[in-house]
Amino acid sequence: MLLLAMDTATPAVTVALHDGTAVVAESTRVDARRHGELLLPAVDRVLKEAGTALDAVTGIVVGVGPGPYTGLRVGLVTAAAFSSALGGVPVHGLCTLDGLAYASGIEGPFAVATDARRKEVYWARYDDARTRVTDASVDRPAEIAERLAGLPVVGAGALLYPDAFPDARGPEHQSAGALAALAAERLAAGGGGFLDPLPMYLRRPDAQVPKNYKVVTPK
C-alpha cells in the first residue's frame, strides 16, 4: 500500500505519503490564496523525500471539505487527474474535519471547527478521534456555543472565536499525514467509511451572478 493524501479545503495545502504503516513523507504550507500554485510542488516534494515515483501510488486520499469553493476544488480535481493518469487507482474521500479530529487524539467527546469566513465556522461533533456523530455544518460561533458548551473544540475556527469556544485546542491546521493514517486504518478494517470524492460546500460560493444581471448580445 502506498497512499497519496492531499487536502486543500482549508488554508493548509497539505500532502503526505503513507505506506500502510506510517507516514513516510509530508509537506504542509499554510497559504489561503495559493492552493493551485502550491499543491503540485508539494506532491513533488513528498515523492522525492520518500524516494519514490507517482506510478508507485496504489490509492489516493483526498479531503472533500467542507471548505471554500476555490481552494477545495483544487485538491479534488488534482486527485481525480492523478487517478486517471495512474490507470484508475481508487480515490478515497474523507471529511476534512475528520482529519483534524484524528490528529487531535482526544478520547472523549469534542468538536472540530474550521474557519468558514463570513464570521462562521464549519464544525462537527465527535465521540472520539475516530467517530464523528453529526454531519458537518456551517454556523456562526455564537449560534452553536451553547450546544458545544463544556467540550474541547479543535481547529482554527475554535482559536478564532475564544468567547464561543473557551476550550480551544490544536491542531490548528489540517495534516494530510493524519488524513492518510485514518484512511489506512479504514482500509485495513475493510474499506468502509469513505465518501465520494465530491466537494462538500455546505453553502453557495462567494462569487455569484448579480440578481439584476442583463445579458447583452449583439444584434
C-alpha atoms as a PDB file:
ATOM      1  CA  MET A   1       0.000   0.000   0.000  1.00  0.00           C
ATOM      2  CA  LEU A   2       1.194   3.494  -0.828  1.00  0.00           C
ATOM      3  CA  LEU A   3      -1.389   6.211  -0.279  1.00  0.00           C
ATOM      4  CA  LEU A   4      -1.001   9.734  -1.620  1.00  0.00           C
ATOM      5  CA  ALA A   5      -3.109  12.048   0.548  1.00  0.00           C
ATOM      6  CA  MET A   6      -3.952  15.693  -0.046  1.00  0.00           C
ATOM      7  CA  ASP A   7      -6.288  18.340   1.323  1.00  0.00           C
ATOM      8  CA  THR A   8      -6.898  21.905   0.143  1.00  0.00           C
ATOM      9  CA  ALA A   9     -10.189  22.590   1.932  1.00  0.00           C
ATOM     10  CA  THR A  10      -8.527  24.893   4.475  1.00  0.00           C
ATOM     11  CA  PRO A  11      -5.668  27.430   4.263  1.00  0.00           C
ATOM     12  CA  ALA A  12      -3.260  24.495   4.720  1.00  0.00           C
ATOM     13  CA  VAL A  13      -2.069  22.988   1.441  1.00  0.00           C
ATOM     14  CA  THR A  14      -1.043  19.596   2.753  1.00  0.00           C
ATOM     15  CA  VAL A  15       0.232  16.427   1.071  1.00  0.00           C
ATOM     16  CA  ALA A  16       1.536  13.144   2.510  1.00  0.00           C
ATOM     17  CA  LEU A  17       2.563   9.615   1.566  1.00  0.00           C
ATOM     18  CA  HIS A  18       1.580   6.680   3.790  1.00  0.00           C
ATOM     19  CA  ASP A  19       2.837   3.130   3.278  1.00  0.00           C
ATOM     20  CA  GLY A  20       0.077   1.444   5.247  1.00  0.00           C
ATOM     21  CA  THR A  21       2.119   1.502   8.443  1.00  0.00           C
ATOM     22  CA  ALA A  22       3.321   5.071   8.831  1.00  0.00           C
ATOM     23  CA  VAL A  23       3.666   8.433   7.118  1.00  0.00           C
ATOM     24  CA  VAL A  24       6.838   8.331   5.036  1.00  0.00           C
ATOM     25  CA  ALA A  25       6.802  11.958   3.859  1.00  0.00           C
ATOM     26  CA  GLU A  26       4.669  15.041   4.388  1.00  0.00           C
ATOM     27  CA  SER A  27       4.555  18.673   3.265  1.00  0.00           C
ATOM     28  CA  THR A  28       2.254  21.358   4.650  1.00  0.00           C
ATOM     29  CA  ARG A  29       2.176  25.053   3.866  1.00  0.00           C
ATOM     30  CA  VAL A  30      -0.439  27.490   5.113  1.00  0.00           C
ATOM     31  CA  ASP A  31      -1.461  29.964   2.415  1.00  0.00           C
ATOM     32  CA  ALA A  32      -5.146  30.576   1.780  1.00  0.00           C
ATOM     33  CA  ARG A  33      -4.620  32.196  -1.632  1.00  0.00           C
ATOM     34  CA  ARG A  34      -2.186  29.875  -3.435  1.00  0.00           C
ATOM     35  CA  HIS A  35      -3.649  26.369  -3.380  1.00  0.00           C
ATOM     36  CA  GLY A  36      -3.270  25.963  -7.131  1.00  0.00           C
ATOM     37  CA  GLU A  37       0.358  27.096  -7.089  1.00  0.00           C
ATOM     38  CA  LEU A  38       1.450  25.077  -4.084  1.00  0.00           C
ATOM     39  CA  LEU A  39      -0.212  21.684  -4.438  1.00  0.00           C
ATOM     40  CA  LEU A  40       1.768  20.069  -7.268  1.00  0.00           C
ATOM     41  CA  PRO A  41       5.169  21.239  -5.946  1.00  0.00           C
ATOM     42  CA  ALA A  42       4.162  19.729  -2.591  1.00  0.00           C
ATOM     43  CA  VAL A  43       3.404  16.415  -4.297  1.00  0.00           C
ATOM     44  CA  ASP A  44       6.825  16.529  -5.960  1.00  0.00           C
ATOM     45  CA  ARG A  45       8.496  17.197  -2.607  1.00  0.00           C
ATOM     46  CA  VAL A  46       6.919  14.280  -0.780  1.00  0.00           C
ATOM     47  CA  LEU A  47       7.662  11.886  -3.650  1.00  0.00           C
ATOM     48  CA  LYS A  48      11.307  12.952  -3.679  1.00  0.00           C
ATOM     49  CA  GLU A  49      11.583  12.759   0.093  1.00  0.00           C
ATOM     50  CA  ALA A  50      10.160   9.245   0.032  1.00  0.00           C
ATOM     51  CA  GLY A  51      12.419   8.250  -2.846  1.00  0.00           C
ATOM     52  CA  THR A  52       9.550   7.021  -4.986  1.00  0.00           C
ATOM     53  CA  ALA A  53       7.564   7.945  -8.091  1.00  0.00           C
ATOM     54  CA  LEU A  54       3.924   8.764  -8.684  1.00  0.00           C
ATOM     55  CA  ASP A  55       3.314   5.472 -10.502  1.00  0.00           C
ATOM     56  CA  ALA A  56       4.051   3.582  -7.267  1.00  0.00           C
ATOM     57  CA  VAL A  57       0.934   5.047  -5.623  1.00  0.00           C
ATOM     58  CA  THR A  58      -1.826   2.468  -5.061  1.00  0.00           C
ATOM     59  CA  GLY A  59      -4.529   4.818  -3.782  1.00  0.00           C
ATOM     60  CA  ILE A  60      -5.343   8.491  -3.335  1.00  0.00           C
ATOM     61  CA  VAL A  61      -6.904  10.058  -0.255  1.00  0.00           C
ATOM     62  CA  VAL A  62      -8.482  13.492  -0.546  1.00  0.00           C
ATOM     63  CA  GLY A  63     -10.222  15.821   1.861  1.00  0.00           C
ATOM     64  CA  VAL A  64     -13.671  16.650   0.481  1.00  0.00           C
ATOM     65  CA  GLY A  65     -14.332  19.596   2.780  1.00  0.00           C
ATOM     66  CA  PRO A  66     -16.285  21.390   3.980  1.00  0.00           C
ATOM     67  CA  GLY A  67     -14.351  24.311   2.613  1.00  0.00           C
ATOM     68  CA  PRO A  68     -14.452  27.362   0.350  1.00  0.00           C
ATOM     69  CA  TYR A  69     -15.193  26.696  -3.307  1.00  0.00           C
ATOM     70  CA  THR A  70     -11.932  27.749  -4.941  1.00  0.00           C
ATOM     71  CA  GLY A  71      -9.464  26.046  -2.625  1.00  0.00           C
ATOM     72  CA  LEU A  72     -11.442  22.863  -2.163  1.00  0.00           C
ATOM     73  CA  ARG A  73     -11.795  22.060  -5.849  1.00  0.00           C
ATOM     74  CA  VAL A  74      -8.009  22.273  -6.404  1.00  0.00           C
ATOM     75  CA  GLY A  75      -7.393  19.157  -4.332  1.00  0.00           C
ATOM     76  CA  LEU A  76     -10.367  17.237  -5.683  1.00  0.00           C
ATOM     77  CA  VAL A  77      -9.572  17.923  -9.327  1.00  0.00           C
ATOM     78  CA  THR A  78      -5.920  17.025  -8.773  1.00  0.00           C
ATOM     79  CA  ALA A  79      -6.883  13.763  -7.067  1.00  0.00           C
ATOM     80  CA  ALA A  80      -9.155  12.857  -9.981  1.00  0.00           C
ATOM     81  CA  ALA A  81      -6.447  13.721 -12.519  1.00  0.00           C
ATOM     82  CA  PHE A  82      -3.863  11.568 -10.735  1.00  0.00           C
ATOM     83  CA  SER A  83      -6.324   8.676 -10.541  1.00  0.00           C
ATOM     84  CA  SER A  84      -6.899   8.856 -14.281  1.00  0.00           C
ATOM     85  CA  ALA A  85      -3.181   9.129 -15.043  1.00  0.00           C
ATOM     86  CA  LEU A  86      -2.470   6.097 -12.861  1.00  0.00           C
ATOM     87  CA  GLY A  87      -4.965   3.887 -14.638  1.00  0.00           C
ATOM     88  CA  GLY A  88      -7.882   4.390 -12.297  1.00  0.00           C
ATOM     89  CA  VAL A  89      -6.381   3.848  -8.845  1.00  0.00           C
ATOM     90  CA  PRO A  90      -9.100   4.409  -6.227  1.00  0.00           C
ATOM     91  CA  VAL A  91      -9.769   7.837  -4.766  1.00  0.00           C
ATOM     92  CA  HIS A  92     -10.930   7.739  -1.135  1.00  0.00           C
ATOM     93  CA  GLY A  93     -12.788  10.832   0.056  1.00  0.00           C
ATOM     94  CA  LEU A  94     -12.729  11.827   3.724  1.00  0.00           C
ATOM     95  CA  CYS A  95     -14.349  14.728   5.545  1.00  0.00           C
ATOM     96  CA  THR A  96     -11.665  17.322   6.215  1.00  0.00           C
ATOM     97  CA  LEU A  97     -12.910  17.720   9.783  1.00  0.00           C
ATOM     98  CA  ASP A  98     -12.259  14.004  10.359  1.00  0.00           C
ATOM     99  CA  GLY A  99      -8.565  14.529   9.648  1.00  0.00           C
ATOM    100  CA  LEU A 100      -8.316  17.224  12.318  1.00  0.00           C
ATOM    101  CA  ALA A 101     -10.277  15.065  14.750  1.00  0.00           C
ATOM    102  CA  TYR A 102      -7.948  12.112  14.172  1.00  0.00           C
ATOM    103  CA  ALA A 103      -4.851  14.273  14.602  1.00  0.00           C
ATOM    104  CA  SER A 104      -6.164  15.598  17.934  1.00  0.00           C
ATOM    105  CA  GLY A 105      -6.005  12.191  19.584  1.00  0.00           C
ATOM    106  CA  ILE A 106      -8.776  13.204  22.006  1.00  0.00           C
ATOM    107  CA  GLU A 107     -10.523  10.187  23.515  1.00  0.00           C
ATOM    108  CA  GLY A 108     -13.659  11.801  24.916  1.00  0.00           C
ATOM    109  CA  PRO A 109     -16.420  13.872  23.278  1.00  0.00           C
ATOM    110  CA  PHE A 110     -15.262  17.029  21.497  1.00  0.00           C
ATOM    111  CA  ALA A 111     -15.865  19.114  18.376  1.00  0.00           C
ATOM    112  CA  VAL A 112     -13.856  20.352  15.421  1.00  0.00           C
ATOM    113  CA  ALA A 113     -14.290  23.831  13.933  1.00  0.00           C
ATOM    114  CA  THR A 114     -12.536  25.333  10.920  1.00  0.00           C
ATOM    115  CA  ASP A 115     -12.745  28.885   9.601  1.00  0.00           C
ATOM    116  CA  ALA A 116     -15.619  29.243   7.144  1.00  0.00           C
ATOM    117  CA  ARG A 117     -15.099  33.009   6.712  1.00  0.00           C
ATOM    118  CA  ARG A 118     -18.102  35.373   6.872  1.00  0.00           C
ATOM    119  CA  LYS A 119     -17.727  35.104  10.686  1.00  0.00           C
ATOM    120  CA  GLU A 120     -18.824  31.460  10.518  1.00  0.00           C
ATOM    121  CA  VAL A 121     -17.250  28.068  11.182  1.00  0.00           C
ATOM    122  CA  TYR A 122     -17.534  24.624   9.639  1.00  0.00           C
ATOM    123  CA  TRP A 123     -17.997  22.190  12.515  1.00  0.00           C
ATOM    124  CA  ALA A 124     -18.981  18.711  13.670  1.00  0.00           C
ATOM    125  CA  ARG A 125     -19.135  16.768  16.945  1.00  0.00           C
ATOM    126  CA  TYR A 126     -17.156  13.626  17.750  1.00  0.00           C
ATOM    127  CA  ASP A 127     -17.378  10.887  20.371  1.00  0.00           C
ATOM    128  CA  ASP A 128     -13.660  10.280  19.973  1.00  0.00           C
ATOM    129  CA  ALA A 129     -10.879  10.944  17.480  1.00  0.00           C
ATOM    130  CA  ARG A 130     -12.255   8.364  15.009  1.00  0.00           C
ATOM    131  CA  THR A 131     -16.020   8.737  15.431  1.00  0.00           C
ATOM    132  CA  ARG A 132     -17.994  11.684  14.071  1.00  0.00           C
ATOM    133  CA  VAL A 133     -21.560  11.783  15.420  1.00  0.00           C
ATOM    134  CA  THR A 134     -23.034  14.725  13.482  1.00  0.00           C
ATOM    135  CA  ASP A 135     -22.966  15.839   9.896  1.00  0.00           C
ATOM    136  CA  ALA A 136     -20.646  18.727   9.080  1.00  0.00           C
ATOM    137  CA  SER A 137     -22.455  22.076   9.336  1.00  0.00           C
ATOM    138  CA  VAL A 138     -21.769  25.780   8.921  1.00  0.00           C
ATOM    139  CA  ASP A 139     -22.918  28.273  11.567  1.00  0.00           C
ATOM    140  CA  ARG A 140     -21.953  31.412  13.437  1.00  0.00           C
ATOM    141  CA  PRO A 141     -19.964  30.572  16.584  1.00  0.00           C
ATOM    142  CA  ALA A 142     -22.481  32.233  18.916  1.00  0.00           C
ATOM    143  CA  GLU A 143     -25.266  30.065  17.471  1.00  0.00           C
ATOM    144  CA  ILE A 144     -23.553  26.813  18.466  1.00  0.00           C
ATOM    145  CA  ALA A 145     -21.682  27.869  21.608  1.00  0.00           C
ATOM    146  CA  GLU A 146     -24.399  26.506  23.913  1.00  0.00           C
ATOM    147  CA  ARG A 147     -24.550  23.160  22.070  1.00  0.00           C
ATOM    148  CA  LEU A 148     -20.778  22.754  22.433  1.00  0.00           C
ATOM    149  CA  ALA A 149     -20.512  24.138  25.968  1.00  0.00           C
ATOM    150  CA  GLY A 150     -18.048  22.185  28.082  1.00  0.00           C
ATOM    151  CA  LEU A 151     -16.461  20.443  25.115  1.00  0.00           C
ATOM    152  CA  PRO A 152     -12.945  20.905  23.775  1.00  0.00           C
ATOM    153  CA  VAL A 153     -13.079  22.355  20.258  1.00  0.00           C
ATOM    154  CA  VAL A 154     -10.210  21.633  17.879  1.00  0.00           C
ATOM    155  CA  GLY A 155      -9.061  23.697  14.911  1.00  0.00           C
ATOM    156  CA  ALA A 156      -8.534  27.197  13.578  1.00  0.00           C
ATOM    157  CA  GLY A 157     -12.222  28.042  13.888  1.00  0.00           C
ATOM    158  CA  ALA A 158     -12.112  27.432  17.619  1.00  0.00           C
ATOM    159  CA  LEU A 159      -8.982  29.532  18.064  1.00  0.00           C
ATOM    160  CA  LEU A 160     -10.546  32.427  16.157  1.00  0.00           C
ATOM    161  CA  TYR A 161     -13.559  32.659  18.495  1.00  0.00           C
ATOM    162  CA  PRO A 162     -12.379  32.062  22.087  1.00  0.00           C
ATOM    163  CA  ASP A 163     -15.502  33.667  23.570  1.00  0.00           C
ATOM    164  CA  ALA A 164     -17.672  30.971  21.970  1.00  0.00           C
ATOM    165  CA  PHE A 165     -15.126  28.157  22.372  1.00  0.00           C
ATOM    166  CA  PRO A 166     -13.176  28.729  25.605  1.00  0.00           C
ATOM    167  CA  ASP A 167     -11.557  25.267  25.498  1.00  0.00           C
ATOM    168  CA  ALA A 168      -9.973  25.710  22.059  1.00  0.00           C
ATOM    169  CA  ARG A 169      -7.242  23.205  21.193  1.00  0.00           C
ATOM    170  CA  GLY A 170      -4.847  22.231  18.435  1.00  0.00           C
ATOM    171  CA  PRO A 171      -4.028  21.131  15.923  1.00  0.00           C
ATOM    172  CA  GLU A 172      -4.913  24.379  14.230  1.00  0.00           C
ATOM    173  CA  HIS A 173      -4.369  23.211  10.656  1.00  0.00           C
ATOM    174  CA  GLN A 174      -5.122  20.111   8.645  1.00  0.00           C
ATOM    175  CA  SER A 175      -2.486  17.401   8.209  1.00  0.00           C
ATOM    176  CA  ALA A 176      -2.525  15.132   5.163  1.00  0.00           C
ATOM    177  CA  GLY A 177      -0.476  12.720   7.245  1.00  0.00           C
ATOM    178  CA  ALA A 178      -3.349  12.359   9.728  1.00  0.00           C
ATOM    179  CA  LEU A 179      -5.856  12.044   6.889  1.00  0.00           C
ATOM    180  CA  ALA A 180      -3.737   9.301   5.285  1.00  0.00           C
ATOM    181  CA  ALA A 181      -3.311   7.444   8.580  1.00  0.00           C
ATOM    182  CA  LEU A 182      -7.080   7.475   9.134  1.00  0.00           C
ATOM    183  CA  ALA A 183      -7.643   6.184   5.605  1.00  0.00           C
ATOM    184  CA  ALA A 184      -5.054   3.426   6.098  1.00  0.00           C
ATOM    185  CA  GLU A 185      -6.866   2.295   9.270  1.00  0.00           C
ATOM    186  CA  ARG A 186     -10.201   2.177   7.484  1.00  0.00           C
ATOM    187  CA  LEU A 187      -8.761   0.300   4.518  1.00  0.00           C
ATOM    188  CA  ALA A 188      -7.156  -2.248   6.852  1.00  0.00           C
ATOM    189  CA  ALA A 189     -10.528  -2.699   8.563  1.00  0.00           C
ATOM    190  CA  GLY A 190     -12.297  -3.488   5.298  1.00  0.00           C
ATOM    191  CA  GLY A 191     -12.505  -0.223   3.420  1.00  0.00           C
ATOM    192  CA  GLY A 192     -15.673   1.344   4.834  1.00  0.00           C
ATOM    193  CA  GLY A 193     -16.301   4.906   5.927  1.00  0.00           C
ATOM    194  CA  PHE A 194     -15.190   6.732   2.795  1.00  0.00           C
ATOM    195  CA  LEU A 195     -17.055   9.466   0.939  1.00  0.00           C
ATOM    196  CA  ASP A 196     -17.354  10.026  -2.773  1.00  0.00           C
ATOM    197  CA  PRO A 197     -14.581  12.416  -3.895  1.00  0.00           C
ATOM    198  CA  LEU A 198     -17.038  15.259  -4.450  1.00  0.00           C
ATOM    199  CA  PRO A 199     -16.911  18.733  -2.877  1.00  0.00           C
ATOM    200  CA  MET A 200     -18.746  19.365   0.381  1.00  0.00           C
ATOM    201  CA  TYR A 201     -19.502  23.083   0.107  1.00  0.00           C
ATOM    202  CA  LEU A 202     -22.453  23.487   2.552  1.00  0.00           C
ATOM    203  CA  ARG A 203     -23.264  26.902   1.099  1.00  0.00           C
ATOM    204  CA  ARG A 204     -23.217  28.831  -2.162  1.00  0.00           C
ATOM    205  CA  PRO A 205     -19.911  30.268  -3.438  1.00  0.00           C
ATOM    206  CA  ASP A 206     -18.967  33.869  -2.644  1.00  0.00           C
ATOM    207  CA  ALA A 207     -18.914  34.817  -6.340  1.00  0.00           C
ATOM    208  CA  GLN A 208     -22.415  34.911  -7.803  1.00  0.00           C
ATOM    209  CA  VAL A 209     -24.131  36.452 -10.810  1.00  0.00           C
ATOM    210  CA  PRO A 210     -25.893  39.680  -9.735  1.00  0.00           C
ATOM    211  CA  LYS A 211     -29.666  39.297  -9.419  1.00  0.00           C
ATOM    212  CA  ASN A 212     -30.387  42.108 -11.889  1.00  0.00           C
ATOM    213  CA  TYR A 213     -27.779  40.948 -14.377  1.00  0.00           C
ATOM    214  CA  LYS A 214     -28.859  41.527 -18.008  1.00  0.00           C
ATOM    215  CA  VAL A 215     -27.396  39.588 -20.909  1.00  0.00           C
ATOM    216  CA  VAL A 216     -26.420  41.903 -23.731  1.00  0.00           C
ATOM    217  CA  THR A 217     -25.922  40.232 -27.087  1.00  0.00           C
ATOM    218  CA  PRO A 218     -25.073  41.945 -30.367  1.00  0.00           C
ATOM    219  CA  LYS A 219     -27.863  42.250 -32.899  1.00  0.00           C
END
